[in-house]
Amino acid sequence: MSRCSLIVAVMAALVAVQPLMAEEKWWPSRWGPDDEAGNTNYMTPAKTLAATALIKQGIVVKLGHDYHAEMPIPVGRVFALRIPGAPSSQVLGSNQVVYNDEYLTAEIGQVGTQMDGFGHMGLALGDAADRTKMTFYNGVTAQQMMTPRGLIKHGVEKLKPLFTRGILIDLEGGLGDPLAAGYEVTVADILQTLAWQGMSADDIQPGDALLLHTGWGRLWMVDNQQYASGEPGPGQAAANWLAARQPVLVGMDNWSIDVMPNPTDPNVAVPAHIELLVKNGILLHENLKLAELATRKQYRFAYIFTPLPIRGATGSPGSPIAVY
């Protein structure tokens, strides 16, 4: 299945399973009925100090990919950079200065290494065209949130900067092989991997950043077509388990976190997105580079990322780092 047809199928299924996904009201959030920051509310001075305690060697690992037009990009989205004028200026002054500017056209929060904000995805709880029933994190509707010039609620600028404990769950190492497209990560897989790493679920604290390494990222810029054709990821059960740990985010080395295609029930679309992002205020960090941390067997580190405060945006690009 092509990525285009896969996305179309996912969105069609999202409408088809409204009653199933909407049986239980998920709002107001634990942070109150007016909250727009979700689990970034866990970012406190105490959480920062707990993260800094993991920095022993001063080593910094870049977790994000470079941005360019050749990277895997969903069909219909755009990333195009131009240098107008090349150079952009006339020659200035007696010392003949020139400079360059760039012009960028892109779905800036939804291509490359990206963090999904709370305005990115929700559920249509009524008629497919009824914006008053399209419901996002904390019960905010599309009618309350959306304008042609950006979101007036749940813009990514409402998120708090992230400086927290990071935990790598190296599924490729723990299970012995890279995971294939359509492989549903289970709770047993996660627990087995944590045990293989000398850890347990008790090592996860609320507000931690949980990064799941599947090995799928090996295809990035090696075989973009295969990378985009599907992916391993958590299904509903694993998403429930992750949500119960109350991390600030779940990040992975794939393009949408969710298993694609869904082997358990093809009619259920992106259950991890719905459980984590929409219902629990847990951010999603997609298209991460996690192989270096896995190779180094560095399972604990400080995770640092500041979402770009683009007012009204649905997500954020940027370069997350691990420091240990």
C-alpha atoms as a PDB file:
ATOM      1  CA  MET A   1       0.000   0.000   0.000  1.00  0.00           C
ATOM      2  CA  SER A   2       1.373   3.444  -0.912  1.00  0.00           C
ATOM      3  CA  ARG A   3       1.708   6.040   1.794  1.00  0.00           C
ATOM      4  CA  CYS A   4      -0.944   8.172   0.111  1.00  0.00           C
ATOM      5  CA  SER A   5      -3.494   5.353   0.049  1.00  0.00           C
ATOM      6  CA  LEU A   6      -2.495   4.370   3.580  1.00  0.00           C
ATOM      7  CA  ILE A   7      -3.180   7.867   4.886  1.00  0.00           C
ATOM      8  CA  VAL A   8      -6.511   8.011   3.028  1.00  0.00           C
ATOM      9  CA  ALA A   9      -7.469   4.662   4.554  1.00  0.00           C
ATOM     10  CA  VAL A  10      -6.443   5.854   8.006  1.00  0.00           C
ATOM     11  CA  MET A  11      -8.511   9.028   7.797  1.00  0.00           C
ATOM     12  CA  ALA A  12     -11.523   7.143   6.417  1.00  0.00           C
ATOM     13  CA  ALA A  13     -11.232   4.663   9.235  1.00  0.00           C
ATOM     14  CA  LEU A  14     -10.985   7.499  11.743  1.00  0.00           C
ATOM     15  CA  VAL A  15     -14.490   8.593  10.751  1.00  0.00           C
ATOM     16  CA  ALA A  16     -15.759   5.006  10.612  1.00  0.00           C
ATOM     17  CA  VAL A  17     -14.801   4.202  14.199  1.00  0.00           C
ATOM     18  CA  GLN A  18     -16.219   7.322  15.888  1.00  0.00           C
ATOM     19  CA  PRO A  19     -18.579   5.421  18.208  1.00  0.00           C
ATOM     20  CA  LEU A  20     -15.858   3.012  19.347  1.00  0.00           C
ATOM     21  CA  MET A  21     -13.281   5.711  20.074  1.00  0.00           C
ATOM     22  CA  ALA A  22     -15.768   8.104  21.661  1.00  0.00           C
ATOM     23  CA  GLU A  23     -17.551   5.813  24.090  1.00  0.00           C
ATOM     24  CA  GLU A  24     -15.893   7.470  27.072  1.00  0.00           C
ATOM     25  CA  LYS A  25     -15.583  11.215  27.577  1.00  0.00           C
ATOM     26  CA  TRP A  26     -11.916  12.078  28.108  1.00  0.00           C
ATOM     27  CA  TRP A  27     -12.182  15.657  29.322  1.00  0.00           C
ATOM     28  CA  PRO A  28     -11.631  17.734  31.412  1.00  0.00           C
ATOM     29  CA  SER A  29      -7.956  16.823  31.714  1.00  0.00           C
ATOM     30  CA  ARG A  30      -6.092  16.186  34.942  1.00  0.00           C
ATOM     31  CA  TRP A  31      -4.714  19.717  34.601  1.00  0.00           C
ATOM     32  CA  GLY A  32      -8.127  21.402  34.601  1.00  0.00           C
ATOM     33  CA  PRO A  33     -10.780  22.323  32.037  1.00  0.00           C
ATOM     34  CA  ASP A  34      -8.856  25.287  30.597  1.00  0.00           C
ATOM     35  CA  ASP A  35      -5.469  23.590  30.231  1.00  0.00           C
ATOM     36  CA  GLU A  36      -3.621  23.805  26.904  1.00  0.00           C
ATOM     37  CA  ALA A  37      -0.187  22.579  28.043  1.00  0.00           C
ATOM     38  CA  GLY A  38      -0.985  18.910  28.734  1.00  0.00           C
ATOM     39  CA  ASN A  39       1.744  16.894  30.375  1.00  0.00           C
ATOM     40  CA  THR A  40       4.285  19.637  29.813  1.00  0.00           C
ATOM     41  CA  ASN A  41       2.831  20.779  33.132  1.00  0.00           C
ATOM     42  CA  TYR A  42       5.149  18.169  34.643  1.00  0.00           C
ATOM     43  CA  MET A  43       8.064  20.436  33.668  1.00  0.00           C
ATOM     44  CA  THR A  44       8.970  21.820  37.093  1.00  0.00           C
ATOM     45  CA  PRO A  45      12.276  22.822  38.721  1.00  0.00           C
ATOM     46  CA  ALA A  46      12.316  19.438  40.465  1.00  0.00           C
ATOM     47  CA  LYS A  47      11.957  17.655  37.115  1.00  0.00           C
ATOM     48  CA  THR A  48      14.800  19.709  35.654  1.00  0.00           C
ATOM     49  CA  LEU A  49      17.054  18.836  38.574  1.00  0.00           C
ATOM     50  CA  ALA A  50      16.182  15.151  38.223  1.00  0.00           C
ATOM     51  CA  ALA A  51      17.226  15.372  34.564  1.00  0.00           C
ATOM     52  CA  THR A  52      20.496  17.139  35.285  1.00  0.00           C
ATOM     53  CA  ALA A  53      21.382  14.366  37.748  1.00  0.00           C
ATOM     54  CA  LEU A  54      21.618  12.020  34.747  1.00  0.00           C
ATOM     55  CA  ILE A  55      24.345  14.130  33.101  1.00  0.00           C
ATOM     56  CA  LYS A  56      27.654  12.507  34.080  1.00  0.00           C
ATOM     57  CA  GLN A  57      29.904  12.755  30.999  1.00  0.00           C
ATOM     58  CA  GLY A  58      28.672  15.888  29.252  1.00  0.00           C
ATOM     59  CA  ILE A  59      28.026  14.004  25.980  1.00  0.00           C
ATOM     60  CA  VAL A  60      25.375  15.457  23.662  1.00  0.00           C
ATOM     61  CA  VAL A  61      23.564  13.306  21.087  1.00  0.00           C
ATOM     62  CA  LYS A  62      21.455  14.891  18.357  1.00  0.00           C
ATOM     63  CA  LEU A  63      18.109  13.100  18.035  1.00  0.00           C
ATOM     64  CA  GLY A  64      16.681  14.961  15.032  1.00  0.00           C
ATOM     65  CA  HIS A  65      17.171  14.587  11.283  1.00  0.00           C
ATOM     66  CA  ASP A  66      18.254  17.363   8.936  1.00  0.00           C
ATOM     67  CA  TYR A  67      15.428  19.131   7.098  1.00  0.00           C
ATOM     68  CA  HIS A  68      15.490  19.156   3.292  1.00  0.00           C
ATOM     69  CA  ALA A  69      13.236  18.512   0.321  1.00  0.00           C
ATOM     70  CA  GLU A  70      14.533  14.954  -0.259  1.00  0.00           C
ATOM     71  CA  MET A  71      13.553  13.612   3.180  1.00  0.00           C
ATOM     72  CA  PRO A  72      10.485  11.358   3.479  1.00  0.00           C
ATOM     73  CA  ILE A  73       7.484  13.685   3.289  1.00  0.00           C
ATOM     74  CA  PRO A  74       3.816  12.603   3.373  1.00  0.00           C
ATOM     75  CA  VAL A  75       2.031  12.942   0.054  1.00  0.00           C
ATOM     76  CA  GLY A  76       0.418  16.363  -0.183  1.00  0.00           C
ATOM     77  CA  ARG A  77       2.780  18.049   2.269  1.00  0.00           C
ATOM     78  CA  VAL A  78       5.607  20.354   1.238  1.00  0.00           C
ATOM     79  CA  PHE A  79       9.093  21.350   2.326  1.00  0.00           C
ATOM     80  CA  ALA A  80      10.706  23.832  -0.048  1.00  0.00           C
ATOM     81  CA  LEU A  81      13.547  26.243   0.754  1.00  0.00           C
ATOM     82  CA  ARG A  82      14.751  28.984  -1.568  1.00  0.00           C
ATOM     83  CA  ILE A  83      17.464  31.646  -1.342  1.00  0.00           C
ATOM     84  CA  PRO A  84      15.841  34.623  -3.077  1.00  0.00           C
ATOM     85  CA  GLY A  85      18.249  36.529  -5.291  1.00  0.00           C
ATOM     86  CA  ALA A  86      21.219  34.301  -4.452  1.00  0.00           C
ATOM     87  CA  PRO A  87      22.612  36.459  -2.881  1.00  0.00           C
ATOM     88  CA  SER A  88      19.526  38.098  -1.425  1.00  0.00           C
ATOM     89  CA  SER A  89      21.028  41.570  -1.142  1.00  0.00           C
ATOM     90  CA  GLN A  90      22.719  44.096  -3.295  1.00  0.00           C
ATOM     91  CA  VAL A  91      26.346  44.862  -2.525  1.00  0.00           C
ATOM     92  CA  LEU A  92      26.260  47.177   0.486  1.00  0.00           C
ATOM     93  CA  GLY A  93      28.725  49.731   1.773  1.00  0.00           C
ATOM     94  CA  SER A  94      32.274  50.600   0.872  1.00  0.00           C
ATOM     95  CA  ASN A  95      33.346  47.189   2.190  1.00  0.00           C
ATOM     96  CA  GLN A  96      30.912  45.502  -0.243  1.00  0.00           C
ATOM     97  CA  VAL A  97      28.820  43.392   2.113  1.00  0.00           C
ATOM     98  CA  VAL A  98      26.347  40.826   0.775  1.00  0.00           C
ATOM     99  CA  TYR A  99      23.898  38.631   2.666  1.00  0.00           C
ATOM    100  CA  ASN A 100      21.453  35.781   2.109  1.00  0.00           C
ATOM    101  CA  ASP A 101      17.950  35.166   3.409  1.00  0.00           C
ATOM    102  CA  GLU A 102      15.869  32.051   3.023  1.00  0.00           C
ATOM    103  CA  TYR A 103      12.233  31.608   2.085  1.00  0.00           C
ATOM    104  CA  LEU A 104      10.659  28.432   3.472  1.00  0.00           C
ATOM    105  CA  THR A 105       7.340  26.916   2.455  1.00  0.00           C
ATOM    106  CA  ALA A 106       6.413  23.917   4.580  1.00  0.00           C
ATOM    107  CA  GLU A 107       3.952  22.194   6.871  1.00  0.00           C
ATOM    108  CA  ILE A 108       6.415  23.304   9.462  1.00  0.00           C
ATOM    109  CA  GLY A 109       5.120  21.219  12.350  1.00  0.00           C
ATOM    110  CA  GLN A 110       4.300  18.113  10.347  1.00  0.00           C
ATOM    111  CA  VAL A 111       7.364  17.176   8.276  1.00  0.00           C
ATOM    112  CA  GLY A 112      10.717  15.697   9.286  1.00  0.00           C
ATOM    113  CA  THR A 113      11.531  15.388  12.960  1.00  0.00           C
ATOM    114  CA  GLN A 114       8.312  16.773  14.386  1.00  0.00           C
ATOM    115  CA  MET A 115       6.445  17.140  17.638  1.00  0.00           C
ATOM    116  CA  ASP A 116       2.666  16.863  17.392  1.00  0.00           C
ATOM    117  CA  GLY A 117       0.834  19.480  19.397  1.00  0.00           C
ATOM    118  CA  PHE A 118      -2.703  19.209  20.719  1.00  0.00           C
ATOM    119  CA  GLY A 119      -4.262  20.990  17.762  1.00  0.00           C
ATOM    120  CA  HIS A 120      -3.012  18.335  15.350  1.00  0.00           C
ATOM    121  CA  MET A 121      -5.475  15.497  15.815  1.00  0.00           C
ATOM    122  CA  GLY A 122      -8.873  14.884  17.344  1.00  0.00           C
ATOM    123  CA  LEU A 123     -12.045  12.872  16.813  1.00  0.00           C
ATOM    124  CA  ALA A 124     -15.191  13.748  14.855  1.00  0.00           C
ATOM    125  CA  LEU A 125     -17.867  12.862  17.379  1.00  0.00           C
ATOM    126  CA  GLY A 126     -20.794  13.809  15.169  1.00  0.00           C
ATOM    127  CA  ASP A 127     -21.445  14.498  11.520  1.00  0.00           C
ATOM    128  CA  ALA A 128     -18.202  14.556   9.541  1.00  0.00           C
ATOM    129  CA  ALA A 129     -18.694  18.235   8.656  1.00  0.00           C
ATOM    130  CA  ASP A 130     -19.792  19.409  12.123  1.00  0.00           C
ATOM    131  CA  ARG A 131     -16.930  21.499  13.549  1.00  0.00           C
ATOM    132  CA  THR A 132     -18.752  21.784  16.878  1.00  0.00           C
ATOM    133  CA  LYS A 133     -18.324  18.018  17.341  1.00  0.00           C
ATOM    134  CA  MET A 134     -14.719  17.662  16.138  1.00  0.00           C
ATOM    135  CA  THR A 135     -13.081  17.281  19.533  1.00  0.00           C
ATOM    136  CA  PHE A 136      -9.440  17.596  20.520  1.00  0.00           C
ATOM    137  CA  TYR A 137      -7.433  17.459  23.755  1.00  0.00           C
ATOM    138  CA  ASN A 138      -9.371  18.619  26.825  1.00  0.00           C
ATOM    139  CA  GLY A 139     -12.683  18.765  24.953  1.00  0.00           C
ATOM    140  CA  VAL A 140     -11.775  21.735  22.750  1.00  0.00           C
ATOM    141  CA  THR A 141     -13.692  21.650  19.465  1.00  0.00           C
ATOM    142  CA  ALA A 142     -12.623  22.689  16.004  1.00  0.00           C
ATOM    143  CA  GLN A 143     -15.207  25.464  16.159  1.00  0.00           C
ATOM    144  CA  GLN A 144     -13.509  26.875  19.272  1.00  0.00           C
ATOM    145  CA  MET A 145      -9.991  26.367  18.017  1.00  0.00           C
ATOM    146  CA  MET A 146      -9.530  26.759  14.283  1.00  0.00           C
ATOM    147  CA  THR A 147      -9.113  29.813  12.066  1.00  0.00           C
ATOM    148  CA  PRO A 148      -7.519  30.086   8.604  1.00  0.00           C
ATOM    149  CA  ARG A 149      -4.583  31.965  10.146  1.00  0.00           C
ATOM    150  CA  GLY A 150      -3.803  29.530  12.922  1.00  0.00           C
ATOM    151  CA  LEU A 151      -5.239  27.963  16.043  1.00  0.00           C
ATOM    152  CA  ILE A 152      -6.617  30.232  18.742  1.00  0.00           C
ATOM    153  CA  LYS A 153      -6.515  27.341  21.203  1.00  0.00           C
ATOM    154  CA  HIS A 154      -3.941  24.527  21.467  1.00  0.00           C
ATOM    155  CA  GLY A 155      -1.304  26.371  19.456  1.00  0.00           C
ATOM    156  CA  VAL A 156       2.134  24.901  20.023  1.00  0.00           C
ATOM    157  CA  GLU A 157       3.219  28.114  21.766  1.00  0.00           C
ATOM    158  CA  LYS A 158       1.148  27.002  24.775  1.00  0.00           C
ATOM    159  CA  LEU A 159       3.536  24.090  25.482  1.00  0.00           C
ATOM    160  CA  LYS A 160       6.240  24.440  28.122  1.00  0.00           C
ATOM    161  CA  PRO A 161       9.933  23.906  27.250  1.00  0.00           C
ATOM    162  CA  LEU A 162      11.035  20.324  27.862  1.00  0.00           C
ATOM    163  CA  PHE A 163      14.024  19.577  30.098  1.00  0.00           C
ATOM    164  CA  THR A 164      13.333  16.203  31.633  1.00  0.00           C
ATOM    165  CA  ARG A 165      14.513  12.676  32.223  1.00  0.00           C
ATOM    166  CA  GLY A 166      14.700  10.664  29.029  1.00  0.00           C
ATOM    167  CA  ILE A 167      14.396   6.888  28.863  1.00  0.00           C
ATOM    168  CA  LEU A 168      15.255   4.881  25.758  1.00  0.00           C
ATOM    169  CA  ILE A 169      13.355   1.622  25.270  1.00  0.00           C
ATOM    170  CA  ASP A 170      15.480  -0.228  22.716  1.00  0.00           C
ATOM    171  CA  LEU A 171      12.935  -2.639  21.265  1.00  0.00           C
ATOM    172  CA  GLU A 172      15.275  -3.672  18.459  1.00  0.00           C
ATOM    173  CA  GLY A 173      17.878  -4.749  21.012  1.00  0.00           C
ATOM    174  CA  GLY A 174      15.472  -6.210  23.519  1.00  0.00           C
ATOM    175  CA  LEU A 175      13.579  -8.287  20.958  1.00  0.00           C
ATOM    176  CA  GLY A 176      16.664  -9.238  18.965  1.00  0.00           C
ATOM    177  CA  ASP A 177      15.742  -7.864  15.519  1.00  0.00           C
ATOM    178  CA  PRO A 178      14.572  -4.698  13.793  1.00  0.00           C
ATOM    179  CA  LEU A 179      10.785  -4.563  13.800  1.00  0.00           C
ATOM    180  CA  ALA A 180       8.900  -4.857  10.506  1.00  0.00           C
ATOM    181  CA  ALA A 181       6.106  -2.675   9.160  1.00  0.00           C
ATOM    182  CA  GLY A 182       2.813  -3.745  10.688  1.00  0.00           C
ATOM    183  CA  TYR A 183       4.479  -5.154  13.814  1.00  0.00           C
ATOM    184  CA  GLU A 184       2.353  -4.203  16.808  1.00  0.00           C
ATOM    185  CA  VAL A 185       4.492  -3.384  19.832  1.00  0.00           C
ATOM    186  CA  THR A 186       2.927  -5.021  22.886  1.00  0.00           C
ATOM    187  CA  VAL A 187       3.168  -4.365  26.605  1.00  0.00           C
ATOM    188  CA  ALA A 188       5.085  -7.651  26.896  1.00  0.00           C
ATOM    189  CA  ASP A 189       7.585  -6.359  24.318  1.00  0.00           C
ATOM    190  CA  ILE A 190       8.165  -3.201  26.339  1.00  0.00           C
ATOM    191  CA  LEU A 191       8.542  -5.067  29.638  1.00  0.00           C
ATOM    192  CA  GLN A 192      10.880  -7.612  28.052  1.00  0.00           C
ATOM    193  CA  THR A 193      13.019  -4.807  26.653  1.00  0.00           C
ATOM    194  CA  LEU A 194      13.146  -2.931  29.933  1.00  0.00           C
ATOM    195  CA  ALA A 195      14.259  -6.136  31.690  1.00  0.00           C
ATOM    196  CA  TRP A 196      16.924  -6.698  28.998  1.00  0.00           C
ATOM    197  CA  GLN A 197      18.165  -3.173  29.741  1.00  0.00           C
ATOM    198  CA  GLY A 198      18.311  -3.901  33.472  1.00  0.00           C
ATOM    199  CA  MET A 199      15.250  -1.752  34.114  1.00  0.00           C
ATOM    200  CA  SER A 200      11.562  -2.111  34.910  1.00  0.00           C
ATOM    201  CA  ALA A 201       8.366  -0.113  34.654  1.00  0.00           C
ATOM    202  CA  ASP A 202       9.176   1.311  38.085  1.00  0.00           C
ATOM    203  CA  ASP A 203      12.046   3.237  36.506  1.00  0.00           C
ATOM    204  CA  ILE A 204       9.546   5.368  34.580  1.00  0.00           C
ATOM    205  CA  GLN A 205       8.328   8.482  36.363  1.00  0.00           C
ATOM    206  CA  PRO A 206       5.534  10.905  35.423  1.00  0.00           C
ATOM    207  CA  GLY A 207       6.856  13.593  33.119  1.00  0.00           C
ATOM    208  CA  ASP A 208       9.652  11.460  31.637  1.00  0.00           C
ATOM    209  CA  ALA A 209      10.282  11.404  27.889  1.00  0.00           C
ATOM    210  CA  LEU A 210       9.890   7.822  26.632  1.00  0.00           C
ATOM    211  CA  LEU A 211      11.719   7.091  23.366  1.00  0.00           C
ATOM    212  CA  LEU A 212      11.025   3.761  21.644  1.00  0.00           C
ATOM    213  CA  HIS A 213      13.704   2.504  19.234  1.00  0.00           C
ATOM    214  CA  THR A 214      12.396  -0.007  16.704  1.00  0.00           C
ATOM    215  CA  GLY A 215      15.175   0.103  14.103  1.00  0.00           C
ATOM    216  CA  TRP A 216      12.762   1.500  11.487  1.00  0.00           C
ATOM    217  CA  GLY A 217      14.802   4.678  11.331  1.00  0.00           C
ATOM    218  CA  ARG A 218      17.558   2.770   9.491  1.00  0.00           C
ATOM    219  CA  LEU A 219      15.516   3.338   6.314  1.00  0.00           C
ATOM    220  CA  TRP A 220      15.553   7.142   6.531  1.00  0.00           C
ATOM    221  CA  MET A 221      17.248   8.474   3.359  1.00  0.00           C
ATOM    222  CA  VAL A 222      18.254   4.863   2.532  1.00  0.00           C
ATOM    223  CA  ASP A 223      14.894   3.611   1.266  1.00  0.00           C
ATOM    224  CA  ASN A 224      12.372   6.408   1.691  1.00  0.00           C
ATOM    225  CA  GLN A 225       9.667   4.490  -0.147  1.00  0.00           C
ATOM    226  CA  GLN A 226       9.865   1.554   2.240  1.00  0.00           C
ATOM    227  CA  TYR A 227      10.147   3.900   5.220  1.00  0.00           C
ATOM    228  CA  ALA A 228       6.887   5.567   4.195  1.00  0.00           C
ATOM    229  CA  SER A 229       5.067   2.334   3.287  1.00  0.00           C
ATOM    230  CA  GLY A 230       4.190   1.433   6.883  1.00  0.00           C
ATOM    231  CA  GLU A 231       5.892   1.066  10.255  1.00  0.00           C
ATOM    232  CA  PRO A 232       6.045  -0.842  13.518  1.00  0.00           C
ATOM    233  CA  GLY A 233       4.480   0.834  16.510  1.00  0.00           C
ATOM    234  CA  PRO A 234       2.278   0.428  19.565  1.00  0.00           C
ATOM    235  CA  GLY A 235      -1.328  -0.675  19.284  1.00  0.00           C
ATOM    236  CA  GLN A 236      -4.159   0.145  21.663  1.00  0.00           C
ATOM    237  CA  ALA A 237      -2.957  -2.007  24.575  1.00  0.00           C
ATOM    238  CA  ALA A 238       0.582  -0.634  24.545  1.00  0.00           C
ATOM    239  CA  ALA A 239      -0.755   2.906  24.121  1.00  0.00           C
ATOM    240  CA  ASN A 240      -2.923   2.421  27.207  1.00  0.00           C
ATOM    241  CA  TRP A 241       0.105   1.163  29.143  1.00  0.00           C
ATOM    242  CA  LEU A 242       2.267   4.072  28.038  1.00  0.00           C
ATOM    243  CA  ALA A 243      -0.475   6.573  28.889  1.00  0.00           C
ATOM    244  CA  ALA A 244      -0.773   5.119  32.386  1.00  0.00           C
ATOM    245  CA  ARG A 245       2.899   5.958  32.980  1.00  0.00           C
ATOM    246  CA  GLN A 246       2.020   9.640  32.274  1.00  0.00           C
ATOM    247  CA  PRO A 247       5.140  10.639  30.311  1.00  0.00           C
ATOM    248  CA  VAL A 248       5.458  14.141  28.911  1.00  0.00           C
ATOM    249  CA  LEU A 249       5.942  12.590  25.482  1.00  0.00           C
ATOM    250  CA  VAL A 250       6.404   9.386  23.536  1.00  0.00           C
ATOM    251  CA  GLY A 251       8.941   9.547  20.709  1.00  0.00           C
ATOM    252  CA  MET A 252       9.898   6.977  18.078  1.00  0.00           C
ATOM    253  CA  ASP A 253      12.100   6.403  15.046  1.00  0.00           C
ATOM    254  CA  ASN A 254       9.066   6.174  12.738  1.00  0.00           C
ATOM    255  CA  TRP A 255       6.781   8.690  11.047  1.00  0.00           C
ATOM    256  CA  SER A 256       3.562   8.468  13.051  1.00  0.00           C
ATOM    257  CA  ILE A 257       4.170   6.501  16.279  1.00  0.00           C
ATOM    258  CA  ASP A 258       1.241   4.161  15.481  1.00  0.00           C
ATOM    259  CA  VAL A 259       1.624   0.724  13.932  1.00  0.00           C
ATOM    260  CA  MET A 260       0.881   0.923  10.198  1.00  0.00           C
ATOM    261  CA  PRO A 261      -1.128  -0.915   8.997  1.00  0.00           C
ATOM    262  CA  ASN A 262      -2.990  -1.869  12.160  1.00  0.00           C
ATOM    263  CA  PRO A 263      -2.851  -5.693  12.294  1.00  0.00           C
ATOM    264  CA  THR A 264      -5.337  -6.044  15.142  1.00  0.00           C
ATOM    265  CA  ASP A 265      -8.198  -4.108  13.595  1.00  0.00           C
ATOM    266  CA  PRO A 266      -7.619  -2.316  10.270  1.00  0.00           C
ATOM    267  CA  ASN A 267     -10.756  -0.245  10.901  1.00  0.00           C
ATOM    268  CA  VAL A 268      -9.259   1.403  13.995  1.00  0.00           C
ATOM    269  CA  ALA A 269      -7.104   4.359  13.008  1.00  0.00           C
ATOM    270  CA  VAL A 270      -4.071   5.644  14.912  1.00  0.00           C
ATOM    271  CA  PRO A 271      -5.080   4.400  18.389  1.00  0.00           C
ATOM    272  CA  ALA A 272      -1.821   5.584  19.971  1.00  0.00           C
ATOM    273  CA  HIS A 273      -2.393   9.136  18.725  1.00  0.00           C
ATOM    274  CA  ILE A 274      -5.884   9.139  20.179  1.00  0.00           C
ATOM    275  CA  GLU A 275      -4.949   7.582  23.518  1.00  0.00           C
ATOM    276  CA  LEU A 276      -1.775   9.567  24.111  1.00  0.00           C
ATOM    277  CA  LEU A 277      -2.189  12.929  22.406  1.00  0.00           C
ATOM    278  CA  VAL A 278      -5.938  13.479  22.386  1.00  0.00           C
ATOM    279  CA  LYS A 279      -7.090  11.792  25.581  1.00  0.00           C
ATOM    280  CA  ASN A 280      -4.068  12.149  27.876  1.00  0.00           C
ATOM    281  CA  GLY A 281      -2.218  15.297  26.810  1.00  0.00           C
ATOM    282  CA  ILE A 282       0.973  13.370  26.000  1.00  0.00           C
ATOM    283  CA  LEU A 283       3.008  14.828  23.143  1.00  0.00           C
ATOM    284  CA  LEU A 284       4.283  12.710  20.260  1.00  0.00           C
ATOM    285  CA  HIS A 285       7.789  13.146  18.806  1.00  0.00           C
ATOM    286  CA  GLU A 286       8.107  11.507  15.396  1.00  0.00           C
ATOM    287  CA  ASN A 287      10.985  10.726  13.010  1.00  0.00           C
ATOM    288  CA  LEU A 288      13.637  10.689  15.720  1.00  0.00           C
ATOM    289  CA  LYS A 289      17.218   9.426  15.341  1.00  0.00           C
ATOM    290  CA  LEU A 290      17.646   6.878  18.131  1.00  0.00           C
ATOM    291  CA  ALA A 291      20.230   4.444  16.754  1.00  0.00           C
ATOM    292  CA  GLU A 292      23.199   6.226  18.340  1.00  0.00           C
ATOM    293  CA  LEU A 293      21.722   6.055  21.830  1.00  0.00           C
ATOM    294  CA  ALA A 294      20.857   2.389  21.260  1.00  0.00           C
ATOM    295  CA  THR A 295      24.367   1.575  20.026  1.00  0.00           C
ATOM    296  CA  ARG A 296      25.846   3.258  23.079  1.00  0.00           C
ATOM    297  CA  LYS A 297      23.345   1.436  25.325  1.00  0.00           C
ATOM    298  CA  GLN A 298      22.524   4.794  26.859  1.00  0.00           C
ATOM    299  CA  TYR A 299      19.095   4.219  28.313  1.00  0.00           C
ATOM    300  CA  ARG A 300      18.922   7.198  30.702  1.00  0.00           C
ATOM    301  CA  PHE A 301      19.723  10.798  29.816  1.00  0.00           C
ATOM    302  CA  ALA A 302      18.476  14.346  29.982  1.00  0.00           C
ATOM    303  CA  TYR A 303      16.072  15.056  27.135  1.00  0.00           C
ATOM    304  CA  ILE A 304      15.946  18.678  26.009  1.00  0.00           C
ATOM    305  CA  PHE A 305      13.651  20.254  23.444  1.00  0.00           C
ATOM    306  CA  THR A 306      11.966  23.630  23.162  1.00  0.00           C
ATOM    307  CA  PRO A 307       9.016  23.625  20.752  1.00  0.00           C
ATOM    308  CA  LEU A 308       9.222  26.614  18.418  1.00  0.00           C
ATOM    309  CA  PRO A 309       6.655  29.081  19.761  1.00  0.00           C
ATOM    310  CA  ILE A 310       4.890  29.551  16.444  1.00  0.00           C
ATOM    311  CA  ARG A 311       1.596  31.001  17.541  1.00  0.00           C
ATOM    312  CA  GLY A 312      -1.303  28.899  16.324  1.00  0.00           C
ATOM    313  CA  ALA A 313       0.779  26.040  14.867  1.00  0.00           C
ATOM    314  CA  THR A 314      -0.251  22.387  15.122  1.00  0.00           C
ATOM    315  CA  GLY A 315       3.247  21.118  15.934  1.00  0.00           C
ATOM    316  CA  SER A 316       6.909  21.985  15.962  1.00  0.00           C
ATOM    317  CA  PRO A 317      10.073  21.095  14.099  1.00  0.00           C
ATOM    318  CA  GLY A 318      13.423  21.334  15.850  1.00  0.00           C
ATOM    319  CA  SER A 319      16.470  19.478  17.075  1.00  0.00           C
ATOM    320  CA  PRO A 320      15.924  17.521  20.304  1.00  0.00           C
ATOM    321  CA  ILE A 321      19.047  16.405  22.142  1.00  0.00           C
ATOM    322  CA  ALA A 322      19.994  13.790  24.700  1.00  0.00           C
ATOM    323  CA  VAL A 323      22.680  14.732  27.217  1.00  0.00           C
ATOM    324  CA  TYR A 324      24.338  12.250  29.555  1.00  0.00           C
END
